């Protein structure tokens, strides 16, 4: 995992306010998250079969300096239009139940 993109203040990106954007399209779900005091935006993929949250920490793949860059990346990898996109100030948690995941 590249510490430069994972919140190391030496990376030159200012910390951002916490927020989470849920994006859904072509049967896939992603969560674009920024955490208070951390740098960059993390794209978490929700596995469509298990509901497991997937994140590797690769710059340009699931870590981006801005929300717009993260969302632009998602729009390019989706095979169809975005069917749902909403931003939340906070997420209380995530629960897997069978093959589904539920955001709280």
C-alpha atoms as a PDB file:
ATOM      1  CA  UNK A   1       0.000   0.000   0.000  1.00  0.00           C
ATOM      2  CA  UNK A   2       1.390   3.349  -1.011  1.00  0.00           C
ATOM      3  CA  UNK A   3       1.559   5.554   2.121  1.00  0.00           C
ATOM      4  CA  UNK A   4       1.843   8.626  -0.083  1.00  0.00           C
ATOM      5  CA  UNK A   5      -1.800   8.199  -1.114  1.00  0.00           C
ATOM      6  CA  UNK A   6      -3.080   6.587   2.070  1.00  0.00           C
ATOM      7  CA  UNK A   7      -3.107   9.669   4.267  1.00  0.00           C
ATOM      8  CA  UNK A   8       0.559  10.447   4.843  1.00  0.00           C
ATOM      9  CA  UNK A   9       0.586  14.236   5.234  1.00  0.00           C
ATOM     10  CA  UNK A  10       3.975  14.415   3.471  1.00  0.00           C
ATOM     11  CA  UNK A  11       2.236  13.611   0.178  1.00  0.00           C
ATOM     12  CA  UNK A  12       1.271  17.239  -0.361  1.00  0.00           C
ATOM     13  CA  UNK A  13      -2.508  16.690  -0.526  1.00  0.00           C
ATOM     14  CA  UNK A  14      -4.467  18.611   2.109  1.00  0.00           C
ATOM     15  CA  UNK A  15      -6.786  16.649   4.421  1.00  0.00           C
ATOM     16  CA  UNK A  16     -10.406  16.617   3.276  1.00  0.00           C
ATOM     17  CA  UNK A  17     -13.748  16.582   5.048  1.00  0.00           C
ATOM     18  CA  UNK A  18     -15.323  13.192   5.609  1.00  0.00           C
ATOM     19  CA  UNK A  19     -17.919  12.119   3.046  1.00  0.00           C
ATOM     20  CA  UNK A  20     -19.006   9.002   1.189  1.00  0.00           C
ATOM     21  CA  UNK A  21     -20.508   8.753  -2.299  1.00  0.00           C
ATOM     22  CA  UNK A  22     -22.274   5.552  -3.303  1.00  0.00           C
ATOM     23  CA  UNK A  23     -22.200   4.888  -7.063  1.00  0.00           C
ATOM     24  CA  UNK A  24     -24.081   2.084  -8.798  1.00  0.00           C
ATOM     25  CA  UNK A  25     -24.028   1.061 -12.437  1.00  0.00           C
ATOM     26  CA  UNK A  26     -24.035  -2.083 -14.624  1.00  0.00           C
ATOM     27  CA  UNK A  27     -24.797  -4.235 -11.575  1.00  0.00           C
ATOM     28  CA  UNK A  28     -21.763  -3.022  -9.615  1.00  0.00           C
ATOM     29  CA  UNK A  29     -21.591  -0.823  -6.505  1.00  0.00           C
ATOM     30  CA  UNK A  30     -18.715   1.418  -5.418  1.00  0.00           C
ATOM     31  CA  UNK A  31     -18.184   3.663  -2.411  1.00  0.00           C
ATOM     32  CA  UNK A  32     -15.965   6.736  -2.843  1.00  0.00           C
ATOM     33  CA  UNK A  33     -14.847   7.716   0.667  1.00  0.00           C
ATOM     34  CA  UNK A  34     -12.832  10.472   2.208  1.00  0.00           C
ATOM     35  CA  UNK A  35     -12.088  10.412   5.903  1.00  0.00           C
ATOM     36  CA  UNK A  36     -11.586  13.471   8.076  1.00  0.00           C
ATOM     37  CA  UNK A  37      -7.888  14.131   8.578  1.00  0.00           C
ATOM     38  CA  UNK A  38      -6.882  11.760   5.764  1.00  0.00           C
ATOM     39  CA  UNK A  39      -5.797  12.678   2.264  1.00  0.00           C
ATOM     40  CA  UNK A  40      -7.258  11.510  -1.004  1.00  0.00           C
ATOM     41  CA  UNK A  41     -10.392   9.646  -1.948  1.00  0.00           C
ATOM     42  CA  UNK A  42     -10.637   5.873  -1.713  1.00  0.00           C
ATOM     43  CA  UNK A  43     -12.775   3.834  -4.107  1.00  0.00           C
ATOM     44  CA  UNK A  44     -14.101   0.725  -2.374  1.00  0.00           C
ATOM     45  CA  UNK A  45     -15.697  -1.917  -4.585  1.00  0.00           C
ATOM     46  CA  UNK A  46     -18.572  -4.001  -3.214  1.00  0.00           C
ATOM     47  CA  UNK A  47     -18.207  -7.571  -4.456  1.00  0.00           C
ATOM     48  CA  UNK A  48     -21.458  -8.385  -6.313  1.00  0.00           C
ATOM     49  CA  UNK A  49     -21.488 -12.038  -5.181  1.00  0.00           C
ATOM     50  CA  UNK A  50     -20.438 -11.841  -1.534  1.00  0.00           C
ATOM     51  CA  UNK A  51     -21.006  -8.211  -0.509  1.00  0.00           C
ATOM     52  CA  UNK A  52     -17.382  -8.071   0.651  1.00  0.00           C
ATOM     53  CA  UNK A  53     -15.675  -4.657   0.555  1.00  0.00           C
ATOM     54  CA  UNK A  54     -12.608  -4.663  -1.728  1.00  0.00           C
ATOM     55  CA  UNK A  55      -9.773  -2.112  -1.580  1.00  0.00           C
ATOM     56  CA  UNK A  56      -6.109  -2.402  -2.576  1.00  0.00           C
ATOM     57  CA  UNK A  57      -4.702   1.124  -2.192  1.00  0.00           C
ATOM     58  CA  UNK A  58      -3.402   1.516  -5.749  1.00  0.00           C
ATOM     59  CA  UNK A  59      -3.095   5.138  -6.976  1.00  0.00           C
ATOM     60  CA  UNK A  60      -5.156   5.708 -10.100  1.00  0.00           C
ATOM     61  CA  UNK A  61      -7.165   2.547  -9.498  1.00  0.00           C
ATOM     62  CA  UNK A  62      -8.759   2.938  -6.090  1.00  0.00           C
ATOM     63  CA  UNK A  63      -6.998   5.978  -4.601  1.00  0.00           C
ATOM     64  CA  UNK A  64      -7.349   9.461  -6.118  1.00  0.00           C
ATOM     65  CA  UNK A  65      -6.374  12.997  -5.045  1.00  0.00           C
ATOM     66  CA  UNK A  66      -9.885  14.412  -5.681  1.00  0.00           C
ATOM     67  CA  UNK A  67     -13.480  13.162  -5.607  1.00  0.00           C
ATOM     68  CA  UNK A  68     -13.961  14.279  -9.228  1.00  0.00           C
ATOM     69  CA  UNK A  69     -11.029  12.143 -10.394  1.00  0.00           C
ATOM     70  CA  UNK A  70     -12.393   9.131  -8.512  1.00  0.00           C
ATOM     71  CA  UNK A  71     -15.874   9.597  -9.983  1.00  0.00           C
ATOM     72  CA  UNK A  72     -14.477  10.162 -13.496  1.00  0.00           C
ATOM     73  CA  UNK A  73     -12.571   6.885 -13.170  1.00  0.00           C
ATOM     74  CA  UNK A  74     -15.755   5.030 -12.185  1.00  0.00           C
ATOM     75  CA  UNK A  75     -17.681   6.527 -15.088  1.00  0.00           C
ATOM     76  CA  UNK A  76     -15.023   5.273 -17.516  1.00  0.00           C
ATOM     77  CA  UNK A  77     -14.916   1.698 -16.192  1.00  0.00           C
ATOM     78  CA  UNK A  78     -18.683   1.192 -16.026  1.00  0.00           C
ATOM     79  CA  UNK A  79     -20.185  -0.511 -19.071  1.00  0.00           C
ATOM     80  CA  UNK A  80     -23.377   1.543 -18.909  1.00  0.00           C
ATOM     81  CA  UNK A  81     -24.792   4.642 -17.274  1.00  0.00           C
ATOM     82  CA  UNK A  82     -24.670   5.344 -13.552  1.00  0.00           C
ATOM     83  CA  UNK A  83     -28.039   4.262 -12.158  1.00  0.00           C
ATOM     84  CA  UNK A  84     -27.577   5.619  -8.629  1.00  0.00           C
ATOM     85  CA  UNK A  85     -25.251   8.193  -7.091  1.00  0.00           C
ATOM     86  CA  UNK A  86     -25.702   9.843  -3.725  1.00  0.00           C
ATOM     87  CA  UNK A  87     -23.313  11.475  -1.247  1.00  0.00           C
ATOM     88  CA  UNK A  88     -23.584  10.973   2.510  1.00  0.00           C
ATOM     89  CA  UNK A  89     -21.838  12.829   5.330  1.00  0.00           C
ATOM     90  CA  UNK A  90     -21.269   9.682   7.351  1.00  0.00           C
ATOM     91  CA  UNK A  91     -21.692   5.935   7.263  1.00  0.00           C
ATOM     92  CA  UNK A  92     -22.398   4.217  10.553  1.00  0.00           C
ATOM     93  CA  UNK A  93     -21.377   0.806   9.351  1.00  0.00           C
ATOM     94  CA  UNK A  94     -21.635  -1.950   6.800  1.00  0.00           C
ATOM     95  CA  UNK A  95     -23.286  -5.321   7.343  1.00  0.00           C
ATOM     96  CA  UNK A  96     -23.007  -8.343   5.064  1.00  0.00           C
ATOM     97  CA  UNK A  97     -26.029 -10.602   5.068  1.00  0.00           C
ATOM     98  CA  UNK A  98     -25.773 -13.559   2.730  1.00  0.00           C
ATOM     99  CA  UNK A  99     -24.721 -12.216  -0.656  1.00  0.00           C
ATOM    100  CA  UNK A 100     -25.847  -8.664   0.100  1.00  0.00           C
ATOM    101  CA  UNK A 101     -24.237  -5.721   1.798  1.00  0.00           C
ATOM    102  CA  UNK A 102     -26.179  -3.075   3.697  1.00  0.00           C
ATOM    103  CA  UNK A 103     -24.877   0.405   4.509  1.00  0.00           C
ATOM    104  CA  UNK A 104     -26.052   1.868   7.799  1.00  0.00           C
END
